C-alpha atoms as a PDB file:
ATOM      1  CA  MET A   1      24.807 -15.062  10.223  1.00  0.00           C
ATOM      2  CA  THR A   2      22.011 -16.527   8.054  1.00  0.00           C
ATOM      3  CA  ARG A   3      19.112 -14.509   6.738  1.00  0.00           C
ATOM      4  CA  PRO A   4      15.903 -14.369   8.787  1.00  0.00           C
ATOM      5  CA  ILE A   5      12.840 -15.974   7.220  1.00  0.00           C
ATOM      6  CA  THR A   6       9.316 -14.680   6.672  1.00  0.00           C
ATOM      7  CA  LEU A   7       6.767 -17.378   5.814  1.00  0.00           C
ATOM      8  CA  TYR A   8       3.300 -16.458   4.592  1.00  0.00           C
ATOM      9  CA  LEU A   9       0.610 -19.168   4.716  1.00  0.00           C
ATOM     10  CA  ILE A  10      -2.267 -18.253   2.408  1.00  0.00           C
ATOM     11  CA  GLY A  11      -5.463 -20.236   1.983  1.00  0.00           C
ATOM     12  CA  PHE A  12      -9.232 -20.120   2.300  1.00  0.00           C
ATOM     13  CA  ALA A  13     -10.705 -19.954   5.794  1.00  0.00           C
ATOM     14  CA  GLY A  14     -10.643 -23.391   7.366  1.00  0.00           C
ATOM     15  CA  THR A  15      -7.612 -24.827   5.532  1.00  0.00           C
ATOM     16  CA  GLY A  16      -5.615 -25.188   8.763  1.00  0.00           C
ATOM     17  CA  LYS A  17      -3.243 -22.263   8.405  1.00  0.00           C
ATOM     18  CA  TYR A  18      -3.091 -21.467  12.121  1.00  0.00           C
ATOM     19  CA  THR A  19      -2.741 -25.114  13.182  1.00  0.00           C
ATOM     20  CA  ILE A  20       0.129 -25.631  10.739  1.00  0.00           C
ATOM     21  CA  ALA A  21       1.718 -22.337  11.806  1.00  0.00           C
ATOM     22  CA  LYS A  22       1.755 -23.529  15.430  1.00  0.00           C
ATOM     23  CA  GLU A  23       3.604 -26.681  14.345  1.00  0.00           C
ATOM     24  CA  ILE A  24       6.150 -24.601  12.419  1.00  0.00           C
ATOM     25  CA  ALA A  25       6.540 -22.400  15.524  1.00  0.00           C
ATOM     26  CA  LYS A  26       8.113 -25.412  17.274  1.00  0.00           C
ATOM     27  CA  SER A  27      11.107 -24.829  14.984  1.00  0.00           C
ATOM     28  CA  GLY A  28      11.630 -21.302  16.312  1.00  0.00           C
ATOM     29  CA  TYR A  29       9.168 -19.217  14.293  1.00  0.00           C
ATOM     30  CA  LYS A  30       6.978 -16.495  15.776  1.00  0.00           C
ATOM     31  CA  VAL A  31       3.346 -16.797  14.640  1.00  0.00           C
ATOM     32  CA  VAL A  32       1.502 -13.692  13.462  1.00  0.00           C
ATOM     33  CA  ASP A  33      -1.903 -15.212  12.817  1.00  0.00           C
ATOM     34  CA  ASN A  34      -4.362 -12.890  11.072  1.00  0.00           C
ATOM     35  CA  HIS A  35      -6.599 -13.117  14.136  1.00  0.00           C
ATOM     36  CA  LEU A  36      -3.808 -11.774  16.345  1.00  0.00           C
ATOM     37  CA  ILE A  37      -4.495  -8.566  14.416  1.00  0.00           C
ATOM     38  CA  ASN A  38      -8.276  -8.919  14.066  1.00  0.00           C
ATOM     39  CA  ASN A  39      -9.323 -10.219  17.473  1.00  0.00           C
ATOM     40  CA  PRO A  40      -8.645  -7.146  19.647  1.00  0.00           C
ATOM     41  CA  ILE A  41     -11.483  -5.551  17.633  1.00  0.00           C
ATOM     42  CA  PHE A  42     -13.526  -8.674  16.782  1.00  0.00           C
ATOM     43  CA  SER A  43     -13.768  -9.591  20.476  1.00  0.00           C
ATOM     44  CA  LEU A  44     -15.670  -6.334  21.027  1.00  0.00           C
ATOM     45  CA  LEU A  45     -18.266  -7.091  18.336  1.00  0.00           C
ATOM     46  CA  ASP A  46     -21.319  -9.330  18.226  1.00  0.00           C
ATOM     47  CA  LEU A  47     -20.227 -11.532  15.331  1.00  0.00           C
ATOM     48  CA  ASP A  48     -22.774 -13.930  13.839  1.00  0.00           C
ATOM     49  CA  ASP A  49     -21.233 -14.986  10.475  1.00  0.00           C
ATOM     50  CA  GLU A  50     -24.028 -13.126   8.688  1.00  0.00           C
ATOM     51  CA  THR A  51     -23.968  -9.433   9.642  1.00  0.00           C
ATOM     52  CA  PRO A  52     -21.212  -7.563   7.742  1.00  0.00           C
ATOM     53  CA  ILE A  53     -18.450  -6.127   9.903  1.00  0.00           C
ATOM     54  CA  ALA A  54     -18.712  -2.323  10.073  1.00  0.00           C
ATOM     55  CA  GLU A  55     -16.129  -0.223   8.226  1.00  0.00           C
ATOM     56  CA  ASN A  56     -15.015   1.580  11.411  1.00  0.00           C
ATOM     57  CA  ALA A  57     -14.019  -1.821  12.823  1.00  0.00           C
ATOM     58  CA  TRP A  58     -11.917  -2.573   9.736  1.00  0.00           C
ATOM     59  CA  ILE A  59     -10.263   0.849  10.019  1.00  0.00           C
ATOM     60  CA  SER A  60      -9.163  -0.035  13.561  1.00  0.00           C
ATOM     61  CA  VAL A  61      -7.943  -3.461  12.390  1.00  0.00           C
ATOM     62  CA  ARG A  62      -5.834  -1.797   9.691  1.00  0.00           C
ATOM     63  CA  LYS A  63      -4.278   0.516  12.269  1.00  0.00           C
ATOM     64  CA  ILE A  64      -3.355  -2.469  14.447  1.00  0.00           C
ATOM     65  CA  ARG A  65      -1.851  -4.234  11.431  1.00  0.00           C
ATOM     66  CA  HIS A  66       0.372  -1.248  10.610  1.00  0.00           C
ATOM     67  CA  ILE A  67       1.580  -0.983  14.221  1.00  0.00           C
ATOM     68  CA  ILE A  68       2.469  -4.684  14.366  1.00  0.00           C
ATOM     69  CA  LEU A  69       4.207  -4.681  10.977  1.00  0.00           C
ATOM     70  CA  ASP A  70       6.179  -1.521  11.797  1.00  0.00           C
ATOM     71  CA  PHE A  71       7.422  -3.259  14.943  1.00  0.00           C
ATOM     72  CA  ILE A  72       8.299  -6.490  13.125  1.00  0.00           C
ATOM     73  CA  ALA A  73      10.151  -4.588  10.391  1.00  0.00           C
ATOM     74  CA  GLN A  74      12.748  -3.599  13.004  1.00  0.00           C
ATOM     75  CA  ASP A  75      13.498  -7.245  13.869  1.00  0.00           C
ATOM     76  CA  GLN A  76      16.237  -8.533  11.562  1.00  0.00           C
ATOM     77  CA  LYS A  77      16.941 -11.726  13.513  1.00  0.00           C
ATOM     78  CA  SER A  78      13.677 -13.581  14.197  1.00  0.00           C
ATOM     79  CA  ASN A  79      11.798 -15.929  11.886  1.00  0.00           C
ATOM     80  CA  PHE A  80       8.104 -15.059  11.449  1.00  0.00           C
ATOM     81  CA  ILE A  81       5.136 -16.882   9.987  1.00  0.00           C
ATOM     82  CA  PHE A  82       2.012 -14.976   8.875  1.00  0.00           C
ATOM     83  CA  THR A  83      -1.373 -16.426   7.980  1.00  0.00           C
ATOM     84  CA  ASN A  84      -4.169 -14.950   5.844  1.00  0.00           C
ATOM     85  CA  ALA A  85      -7.148 -15.912   3.708  1.00  0.00           C
ATOM     86  CA  LEU A  86      -6.513 -13.768   0.627  1.00  0.00           C
ATOM     87  CA  LEU A  87      -8.762 -13.478  -2.426  1.00  0.00           C
ATOM     88  CA  GLU A  88      -8.146 -11.801  -5.766  1.00  0.00           C
ATOM     89  CA  LYS A  89      -9.333  -8.341  -4.701  1.00  0.00           C
ATOM     90  CA  GLU A  90      -7.759  -4.962  -4.025  1.00  0.00           C
ATOM     91  CA  GLY A  91      -7.963  -4.972  -0.216  1.00  0.00           C
ATOM     92  CA  ASP A  92      -6.320  -8.390   0.030  1.00  0.00           C
ATOM     93  CA  TRP A  93      -3.577  -7.331  -2.361  1.00  0.00           C
ATOM     94  CA  LYS A  94      -2.798  -4.417  -0.049  1.00  0.00           C
ATOM     95  CA  ILE A  95      -2.401  -6.813   2.888  1.00  0.00           C
ATOM     96  CA  TYR A  96      -0.143  -9.137   0.870  1.00  0.00           C
ATOM     97  CA  ASN A  97       2.061  -6.262  -0.295  1.00  0.00           C
ATOM     98  CA  LEU A  98       2.315  -4.854   3.233  1.00  0.00           C
ATOM     99  CA  ILE A  99       3.643  -8.152   4.557  1.00  0.00           C
ATOM    100  CA  LYS A 100       5.990  -8.604   1.589  1.00  0.00           C
ATOM    101  CA  GLU A 101       7.340  -5.075   2.152  1.00  0.00           C
ATOM    102  CA  THR A 102       7.851  -5.860   5.848  1.00  0.00           C
ATOM    103  CA  ALA A 103       9.828  -8.971   4.916  1.00  0.00           C
ATOM    104  CA  GLU A 104      11.992  -6.933   2.554  1.00  0.00           C
ATOM    105  CA  LYS A 105      12.636  -4.259   5.184  1.00  0.00           C
ATOM    106  CA  ARG A 106      13.879  -7.002   7.520  1.00  0.00           C
ATOM    107  CA  GLY A 107      16.214  -8.305   4.832  1.00  0.00           C
ATOM    108  CA  SER A 108      14.517 -11.681   5.203  1.00  0.00           C
ATOM    109  CA  LEU A 109      13.876 -14.555   2.851  1.00  0.00           C
ATOM    110  CA  PHE A 110      10.207 -14.172   1.890  1.00  0.00           C
ATOM    111  CA  VAL A 111       8.315 -17.398   1.164  1.00  0.00           C
ATOM    112  CA  PRO A 112       4.589 -17.274   0.281  1.00  0.00           C
ATOM    113  CA  LEU A 113       2.827 -20.669   0.434  1.00  0.00           C
ATOM    114  CA  LYS A 114      -0.672 -21.465  -0.795  1.00  0.00           C
ATOM    115  CA  LEU A 115      -2.527 -24.204   1.087  1.00  0.00           C
ATOM    116  CA  ILE A 116      -4.952 -26.268  -1.015  1.00  0.00           C
ATOM    117  CA  LEU A 117      -7.778 -28.374   0.419  1.00  0.00           C
ATOM    118  CA  SER A 118     -10.459 -30.620  -1.107  1.00  0.00           C
ATOM    119  CA  PRO A 119     -14.073 -29.307  -0.818  1.00  0.00           C
ATOM    120  CA  GLU A 120     -15.106 -32.317   1.279  1.00  0.00           C
ATOM    121  CA  GLU A 121     -12.314 -31.881   3.826  1.00  0.00           C
ATOM    122  CA  HIS A 122     -12.889 -28.129   3.809  1.00  0.00           C
ATOM    123  CA  GLU A 123     -16.536 -28.546   4.778  1.00  0.00           C
ATOM    124  CA  LYS A 124     -15.501 -30.777   7.673  1.00  0.00           C
ATOM    125  CA  ARG A 125     -12.840 -28.388   9.022  1.00  0.00           C
ATOM    126  CA  ILE A 126     -14.760 -25.121   8.668  1.00  0.00           C
ATOM    127  CA  ALA A 127     -17.370 -26.218  11.238  1.00  0.00           C
ATOM    128  CA  SER A 128     -14.834 -26.879  14.020  1.00  0.00           C
ATOM    129  CA  PRO A 129     -15.986 -25.394  17.387  1.00  0.00           C
ATOM    130  CA  ASP A 130     -12.444 -24.140  17.992  1.00  0.00           C
ATOM    131  CA  ARG A 131     -12.863 -21.705  15.107  1.00  0.00           C
ATOM    132  CA  LYS A 132     -15.881 -19.982  16.635  1.00  0.00           C
ATOM    133  CA  ALA A 133     -13.991 -19.560  19.929  1.00  0.00           C
ATOM    134  CA  ARG A 134     -11.318 -17.575  18.060  1.00  0.00           C
ATOM    135  CA  PHE A 135     -13.889 -15.418  16.201  1.00  0.00           C
ATOM    136  CA  LYS A 136     -13.239 -17.275  12.943  1.00  0.00           C
ATOM    137  CA  MET A 137     -15.737 -17.916  10.188  1.00  0.00           C
ATOM    138  CA  THR A 138     -17.674 -21.193  10.517  1.00  0.00           C
ATOM    139  CA  ASN A 139     -20.223 -20.766   7.718  1.00  0.00           C
ATOM    140  CA  LEU A 140     -18.964 -22.471   4.555  1.00  0.00           C
ATOM    141  CA  ALA A 141     -21.297 -20.372   2.401  1.00  0.00           C
ATOM    142  CA  GLU A 142     -19.416 -17.257   3.536  1.00  0.00           C
ATOM    143  CA  VAL A 143     -15.934 -18.583   2.757  1.00  0.00           C
ATOM    144  CA  HIS A 144     -16.133 -17.621  -0.923  1.00  0.00           C
ATOM    145  CA  ILE A 145     -14.580 -20.921  -1.954  1.00  0.00           C
ATOM    146  CA  LYS A 146     -15.845 -20.394  -5.512  1.00  0.00           C
ATOM    147  CA  LYS A 147     -13.937 -17.133  -5.777  1.00  0.00           C
ATOM    148  CA  GLU A 148     -10.315 -17.046  -6.839  1.00  0.00           C
ATOM    149  CA  MET A 149      -7.502 -17.076  -4.351  1.00  0.00           C
ATOM    150  CA  ILE A 150      -5.045 -14.210  -4.805  1.00  0.00           C
ATOM    151  CA  LYS A 151      -2.854 -14.692  -7.908  1.00  0.00           C
ATOM    152  CA  ILE A 152       0.662 -14.191  -6.583  1.00  0.00           C
ATOM    153  CA  ASP A 153       3.654 -14.039  -8.890  1.00  0.00           C
ATOM    154  CA  HIS A 154       6.709 -14.679  -6.711  1.00  0.00           C
ATOM    155  CA  PRO A 155       9.793 -16.848  -7.366  1.00  0.00           C
ATOM    156  CA  HIS A 156       9.480 -18.559  -3.951  1.00  0.00           C
ATOM    157  CA  LEU A 157       5.762 -19.315  -4.204  1.00  0.00           C
ATOM    158  CA  THR A 158       4.748 -22.947  -3.793  1.00  0.00           C
ATOM    159  CA  LYS A 159       1.405 -24.742  -3.376  1.00  0.00           C
ATOM    160  CA  ILE A 160       0.840 -27.516  -0.846  1.00  0.00           C
ATOM    161  CA  ASP A 161      -2.196 -29.792  -0.859  1.00  0.00           C
ATOM    162  CA  VAL A 162      -2.961 -30.388   2.826  1.00  0.00           C
ATOM    163  CA  THR A 163      -6.087 -32.505   2.310  1.00  0.00           C
ATOM    164  CA  ASN A 164      -4.423 -35.702   3.507  1.00  0.00           C
ATOM    165  CA  LEU A 165      -1.647 -34.172   5.622  1.00  0.00           C
ATOM    166  CA  SER A 166      -1.599 -33.715   9.379  1.00  0.00           C
ATOM    167  CA  ALA A 167      -0.414 -30.347  10.672  1.00  0.00           C
ATOM    168  CA  GLY A 168       2.921 -31.921  11.583  1.00  0.00           C
ATOM    169  CA  GLU A 169       3.371 -33.445   8.112  1.00  0.00           C
ATOM    170  CA  ALA A 170       2.484 -30.137   6.432  1.00  0.00           C
ATOM    171  CA  SER A 171       4.954 -28.375   8.721  1.00  0.00           C
ATOM    172  CA  GLU A 172       7.749 -30.781   7.778  1.00  0.00           C
ATOM    173  CA  LYS A 173       7.026 -30.332   4.085  1.00  0.00           C
ATOM    174  CA  ILE A 174       7.092 -26.529   4.377  1.00  0.00           C
ATOM    175  CA  LEU A 175      10.312 -26.448   6.415  1.00  0.00           C
ATOM    176  CA  SER A 176      11.974 -28.811   3.946  1.00  0.00           C
ATOM    177  CA  PHE A 177      11.043 -26.478   1.086  1.00  0.00           C
ATOM    178  CA  VAL A 178      12.387 -23.461   2.997  1.00  0.00           C
ATOM    179  CA  LYS A 179      15.658 -25.275   3.665  1.00  0.00           C
ATOM    180  CA  SER A 180      16.085 -25.911  -0.051  1.00  0.00           C
ATOM    181  CA  LEU A 181      15.600 -22.196  -0.717  1.00  0.00           C
ATOM    182  CA  GLU A 182      18.060 -21.164   2.002  1.00  0.00           C
ATOM    183  CA  SER A 183      20.825 -23.259   0.487  1.00  0.00           C
ATOM    184  CA  SER A 184      20.638 -21.204  -2.720  1.00  0.00           C
ATOM    185  CA  PHE A 185      21.325 -17.901  -0.938  1.00  0.00           C
ATOM    186  CA  PRO A 186      24.678 -16.669   0.402  1.00  0.00           C
ATOM    187  CA  ALA A 187      25.176 -15.606   4.009  1.00  0.00           C
ATOM    188  CA  ASP A 188      24.263 -12.016   4.872  1.00  0.00           C
ATOM    189  CA  GLU A 189      27.839 -10.821   5.122  1.00  0.00           C
ATOM    190  CA  ASP A 190      28.446 -11.789   1.462  1.00  0.00           C
ATOM    191  CA  LYS A 191      25.101 -10.515   0.199  1.00  0.00           C
ATOM    192  CA  HIS A 192      25.964  -6.944  -0.829  1.00  0.00           C
ATOM    193  CA  SER A 193      28.927  -4.798  -1.716  1.00  0.00           C
ATOM    194  CA  VAL A 194      28.357  -1.053  -1.430  1.00  0.00           C
ATOM    195  CA  GLY A 195      30.242   1.608  -3.372  1.00  0.00           C
ATOM    196  CA  GLU A 196      30.956   5.242  -2.560  1.00  0.00           C
ATOM    197  CA  ILE A 197      28.391   8.044  -2.889  1.00  0.00           C
ATOM    198  CA  VAL A 198      28.557   9.585  -6.382  1.00  0.00           C
ATOM    199  CA  LEU A 199      27.357  13.145  -7.107  1.00  0.00           C
ATOM    200  CA  ASP A 200      25.933  13.732 -10.586  1.00  0.00           C
ATOM    201  CA  GLU A 201      24.788  17.170 -11.745  1.00  0.00           C
ATOM    202  CA  MET A 202      24.488  16.354 -15.442  1.00  0.00           C
ATOM    203  CA  ASP A 203      22.855  13.067 -16.470  1.00  0.00           C
ATOM    204  CA  THR A 204      20.366  12.415 -13.659  1.00  0.00           C
ATOM    205  CA  SER A 205      17.539  10.791 -15.650  1.00  0.00           C
ATOM    206  CA  GLU A 206      18.451   7.167 -14.793  1.00  0.00           C
ATOM    207  CA  ILE A 207      18.825   7.910 -11.075  1.00  0.00           C
ATOM    208  CA  ARG A 208      15.559   9.864 -11.011  1.00  0.00           C
ATOM    209  CA  GLU A 209      13.657   6.992 -12.656  1.00  0.00           C
ATOM    210  CA  VAL A 210      15.106   4.338 -10.308  1.00  0.00           C
ATOM    211  CA  LEU A 211      14.232   6.435  -7.252  1.00  0.00           C
ATOM    212  CA  TRP A 212      10.731   7.186  -8.528  1.00  0.00           C
ATOM    213  CA  GLN A 213       9.992   3.520  -9.257  1.00  0.00           C
ATOM    214  CA  GLY A 214      11.322   2.563  -5.820  1.00  0.00           C
ATOM    215  CA  ILE A 215       9.160   5.165  -4.090  1.00  0.00           C
ATOM    216  CA  LYS A 216       6.060   4.023  -6.019  1.00  0.00           C
ATOM    217  CA  ALA A 217       6.696   0.400  -5.050  1.00  0.00           C
ATOM    218  CA  PHE A 218       7.165   1.361  -1.390  1.00  0.00           C
ATOM    219  CA  ASN A 219       4.040   3.547  -1.331  1.00  0.00           C
ATOM    220  CA  GLN A 220       1.787   1.097  -3.196  1.00  0.00           C
ATOM    221  CA  PRO A 221       0.619  -0.928  -0.173  1.00  0.00           C
ATOM    222  CA  TYR A 222      -0.456   2.281   1.546  1.00  0.00           C
ATOM    223  CA  THR A 223      -1.751   4.368  -1.365  1.00  0.00           C
ATOM    224  CA  GLY A 224      -2.598   1.865  -4.090  1.00  0.00           C
ATOM    225  CA  ASN A 225      -1.401   2.470  -7.636  1.00  0.00           C
ATOM    226  CA  ILE A 226      -1.061   6.234  -8.078  1.00  0.00           C
ATOM    227  CA  THR A 227      -1.691   7.396 -11.638  1.00  0.00           C
ATOM    228  CA  THR A 228      -1.018  11.044 -12.383  1.00  0.00           C
ATOM    229  CA  GLN A 229      -2.622  12.756 -15.369  1.00  0.00           C
ATOM    230  CA  PRO A 230      -1.146  16.080 -16.503  1.00  0.00           C
ATOM    231  CA  PHE A 231      -3.357  18.880 -17.802  1.00  0.00           C
ATOM    232  CA  ALA A 232      -2.870  22.366 -19.223  1.00  0.00           C
ATOM    233  CA  LEU A 233      -5.271  25.278 -19.704  1.00  0.00           C
ATOM    234  CA  SER A 234      -4.105  28.081 -21.986  1.00  0.00           C
ATOM    235  CA  ILE A 235      -5.201  31.300 -23.672  1.00  0.00           C
ATOM    236  CA  ARG A 236      -3.633  32.489 -26.949  1.00  0.00           C
ATOM    237  CA  ASP A 237      -3.634  35.814 -28.732  1.00  0.00           C
ATOM    238  CA  GLY A 238      -4.673  36.445 -32.362  1.00  0.00           C
ATOM    239  CA  LYS A 239      -1.300  35.085 -33.556  1.00  0.00           C
ATOM    240  CA  SER A 240      -1.639  31.797 -31.581  1.00  0.00           C
ATOM    241  CA  LYS A 241       0.948  32.899 -29.043  1.00  0.00           C
ATOM    242  CA  ILE A 242       0.322  31.596 -25.508  1.00  0.00           C
ATOM    243  CA  ILE A 243      -0.328  34.569 -23.243  1.00  0.00           C
ATOM    244  CA  ALA A 244      -1.715  32.855 -20.128  1.00  0.00           C
ATOM    245  CA  GLY A 245      -2.159  29.395 -18.700  1.00  0.00           C
ATOM    246  CA  ILE A 246      -2.208  26.842 -15.921  1.00  0.00           C
ATOM    247  CA  TYR A 247      -0.249  23.579 -15.838  1.00  0.00           C
ATOM    248  CA  GLY A 248      -0.744  20.775 -13.315  1.00  0.00           C
ATOM    249  CA  PHE A 249      -1.813  17.190 -12.806  1.00  0.00           C
ATOM    250  CA  THR A 250      -4.592  15.161 -11.207  1.00  0.00           C
ATOM    251  CA  PHE A 251      -4.287  12.056  -9.014  1.00  0.00           C
ATOM    252  CA  TYR A 252      -6.970  10.225  -7.060  1.00  0.00           C
ATOM    253  CA  ASP A 253      -9.512  12.957  -6.255  1.00  0.00           C
ATOM    254  CA  HIS A 254      -6.872  15.713  -6.039  1.00  0.00           C
ATOM    255  CA  ALA A 255      -5.512  18.274  -8.464  1.00  0.00           C
ATOM    256  CA  ARG A 256      -2.145  19.969  -8.129  1.00  0.00           C
ATOM    257  CA  VAL A 257      -1.358  23.292  -9.858  1.00  0.00           C
ATOM    258  CA  GLU A 258       2.335  23.514 -10.733  1.00  0.00           C
ATOM    259  CA  TYR A 259       2.516  26.692 -12.867  1.00  0.00           C
ATOM    260  CA  THR A 260       0.257  29.720 -13.336  1.00  0.00           C
ATOM    261  CA  TRP A 261       1.246  32.626 -15.572  1.00  0.00           C
ATOM    262  CA  VAL A 262      -0.239  35.614 -17.422  1.00  0.00           C
ATOM    263  CA  GLU A 263       1.909  37.708 -19.774  1.00  0.00           C
ATOM    264  CA  GLU A 264       2.489  41.136 -18.233  1.00  0.00           C
ATOM    265  CA  SER A 265       0.746  43.178 -20.950  1.00  0.00           C
ATOM    266  CA  TYR A 266      -2.436  41.103 -20.498  1.00  0.00           C
ATOM    267  CA  ARG A 267      -2.675  41.311 -16.727  1.00  0.00           C
ATOM    268  CA  GLN A 268      -5.572  43.041 -14.916  1.00  0.00           C
ATOM    269  CA  GLN A 269      -7.956  41.918 -17.678  1.00  0.00           C
ATOM    270  CA  GLY A 270      -9.565  39.006 -15.855  1.00  0.00           C
ATOM    271  CA  LEU A 271      -7.664  36.229 -17.657  1.00  0.00           C
ATOM    272  CA  GLY A 272      -6.462  34.652 -14.413  1.00  0.00           C
ATOM    273  CA  ARG A 273     -10.002  34.570 -13.015  1.00  0.00           C
ATOM    274  CA  LYS A 274     -11.330  32.950 -16.219  1.00  0.00           C
ATOM    275  CA  LEU A 275      -8.561  30.328 -16.120  1.00  0.00           C
ATOM    276  CA  PHE A 276      -9.250  29.402 -12.508  1.00  0.00           C
ATOM    277  CA  GLU A 277     -12.997  29.237 -13.079  1.00  0.00           C
ATOM    278  CA  LYS A 278     -12.288  26.862 -15.967  1.00  0.00           C
ATOM    279  CA  LEU A 279      -9.916  24.923 -13.699  1.00  0.00           C
ATOM    280  CA  ASP A 280     -12.714  24.403 -11.145  1.00  0.00           C
ATOM    281  CA  GLU A 281     -15.021  23.166 -13.896  1.00  0.00           C
ATOM    282  CA  PHE A 282     -12.370  20.767 -15.256  1.00  0.00           C
ATOM    283  CA  CYS A 283     -11.453  19.370 -11.832  1.00  0.00           C
ATOM    284  CA  ARG A 284     -15.068  18.704 -10.915  1.00  0.00           C
ATOM    285  CA  SER A 285     -15.518  16.838 -14.208  1.00  0.00           C
ATOM    286  CA  LYS A 286     -12.583  14.608 -13.184  1.00  0.00           C
ATOM    287  CA  GLY A 287     -14.104  13.893  -9.787  1.00  0.00           C
ATOM    288  CA  CYS A 288     -11.568  16.007  -7.893  1.00  0.00           C
ATOM    289  CA  SER A 289     -12.553  17.345  -4.485  1.00  0.00           C
ATOM    290  CA  VAL A 290      -9.404  19.347  -3.711  1.00  0.00           C
ATOM    291  CA  ILE A 291      -7.063  21.642  -5.651  1.00  0.00           C
ATOM    292  CA  GLN A 292      -3.672  22.415  -4.102  1.00  0.00           C
ATOM    293  CA  LEU A 293      -0.939  24.902  -5.023  1.00  0.00           C
ATOM    294  CA  ASP A 294       1.833  26.990  -3.508  1.00  0.00           C
ATOM    295  CA  THR A 295       2.857  30.579  -4.146  1.00  0.00           C
ATOM    296  CA  LEU A 296       5.496  33.034  -2.956  1.00  0.00           C
ATOM    297  CA  ASP A 297       4.472  36.168  -1.087  1.00  0.00           C
ATOM    298  CA  PHE A 298       5.250  38.469  -4.054  1.00  0.00           C
ATOM    299  CA  GLN A 299       3.262  36.365  -6.519  1.00  0.00           C
ATOM    300  CA  SER A 300      -0.507  35.891  -6.179  1.00  0.00           C
ATOM    301  CA  PRO A 301      -1.656  34.826  -2.687  1.00  0.00           C
ATOM    302  CA  ALA A 302      -4.320  37.552  -2.521  1.00  0.00           C
ATOM    303  CA  PHE A 303      -5.692  36.509  -5.921  1.00  0.00           C
ATOM    304  CA  TYR A 304      -5.944  32.868  -4.861  1.00  0.00           C
ATOM    305  CA  GLU A 305      -7.799  33.927  -1.705  1.00  0.00           C
ATOM    306  CA  LYS A 306     -10.368  35.714  -3.871  1.00  0.00           C
ATOM    307  CA  MET A 307     -10.725  32.520  -5.917  1.00  0.00           C
ATOM    308  CA  GLY A 308     -11.651  30.561  -2.788  1.00  0.00           C
ATOM    309  CA  TYR A 309      -8.277  29.153  -1.707  1.00  0.00           C
ATOM    310  CA  GLU A 310      -7.280  28.891   1.960  1.00  0.00           C
ATOM    311  CA  TYR A 311      -3.857  28.930   3.614  1.00  0.00           C
ATOM    312  CA  ILE A 312      -2.804  25.519   4.967  1.00  0.00           C
ATOM    313  CA  GLY A 313       0.877  26.138   5.685  1.00  0.00           C
ATOM    314  CA  THR A 314       3.799  28.554   5.371  1.00  0.00           C
ATOM    315  CA  VAL A 315       7.551  28.188   4.924  1.00  0.00           C
ATOM    316  CA  SER A 316       9.107  31.433   6.131  1.00  0.00           C
ATOM    317  CA  GLU A 317      11.942  33.004   4.135  1.00  0.00           C
ATOM    318  CA  TRP A 318      11.841  30.179   1.605  1.00  0.00           C
ATOM    319  CA  ILE A 319      13.536  31.929  -1.338  1.00  0.00           C
ATOM    320  CA  ASN A 320      15.653  35.066  -0.860  1.00  0.00           C
ATOM    321  CA  LYS A 321      13.772  35.808   2.396  1.00  0.00           C
ATOM    322  CA  HIS A 322      10.361  35.520   0.715  1.00  0.00           C
ATOM    323  CA  ASP A 323       7.679  33.370   2.349  1.00  0.00           C
ATOM    324  CA  CYS A 324       6.092  30.424   0.541  1.00  0.00           C
ATOM    325  CA  TYR A 325       2.374  29.789   1.146  1.00  0.00           C
ATOM    326  CA  PHE A 326       0.677  26.424   0.641  1.00  0.00           C
ATOM    327  CA  MET A 327      -2.970  26.817  -0.320  1.00  0.00           C
ATOM    328  CA  ARG A 328      -5.929  24.622  -1.216  1.00  0.00           C
ATOM    329  CA  LYS A 329      -9.496  24.878  -2.387  1.00  0.00           C
ATOM    330  CA  ILE A 330     -12.195  22.381  -1.442  1.00  0.00           C
ATOM    331  CA  LEU A 331     -14.557  21.871  -4.384  1.00  0.00           C
END
């Protein structure tokens, strides 16, 4: 059994992506044109090529995209071809990575292709009446042709100038390129060999790092690049010994408290309150809107309540029959 294929046609609006995709579909590909995802929402709007599309419409489009891609990810047999106009900006990178991740989940050969078109031919194609009927952009000034197309770094990436090519000729050129790539890959049954499960309770650092990097790569299309920044607040005695403190980290507009501790002989003196007041001040300065922590029932849930934290979840009998409470504070 050969590997399935995922083609991704990328180019400015009006470069003929959909027309070429339909030609490629004659060879057994299923077309997932960007407007298959957009049009259920776009058809409900009064589009005029000038008024910006409202954010709530884009939110619905993104939901549709996730549903379609989740469904396609389960298909490990079919060949698919996607089309998009992608620029060098964060939102378009998220779309590209989502489709690349879907291709990888399917175990497919992923082939991104950039379509290039001369300005003169572009101006002619963008005004086609067929585009308006499919809720596509027809105003050349809005195509952002002077902006950069997304800068993809992928071993299978190729660029095709379609200025003087018919859709059929472009299709033949693309399929020929894909065939050359296929010949360099083994059949699926020879692709992987899998060893036994190995338990390691000593040197786990390499495994932890590989898993963490894999999770970050998987999450990136959904969450963007997550950067965590650790922080620590502490109080010392006259001999510079740490007697109380908070340790945690910030990410996005959230803060997470990992450890809170006050040495026993210094408790009931207001040190915890001072630390958490300082924590609020620090988190606000970092643009955080939420602080989250968890605590066992014998630790400090009542104290956190006094400091403005609310219960958001409980795990009963978490450790030695003691409940664990998840709490947060909205700043």
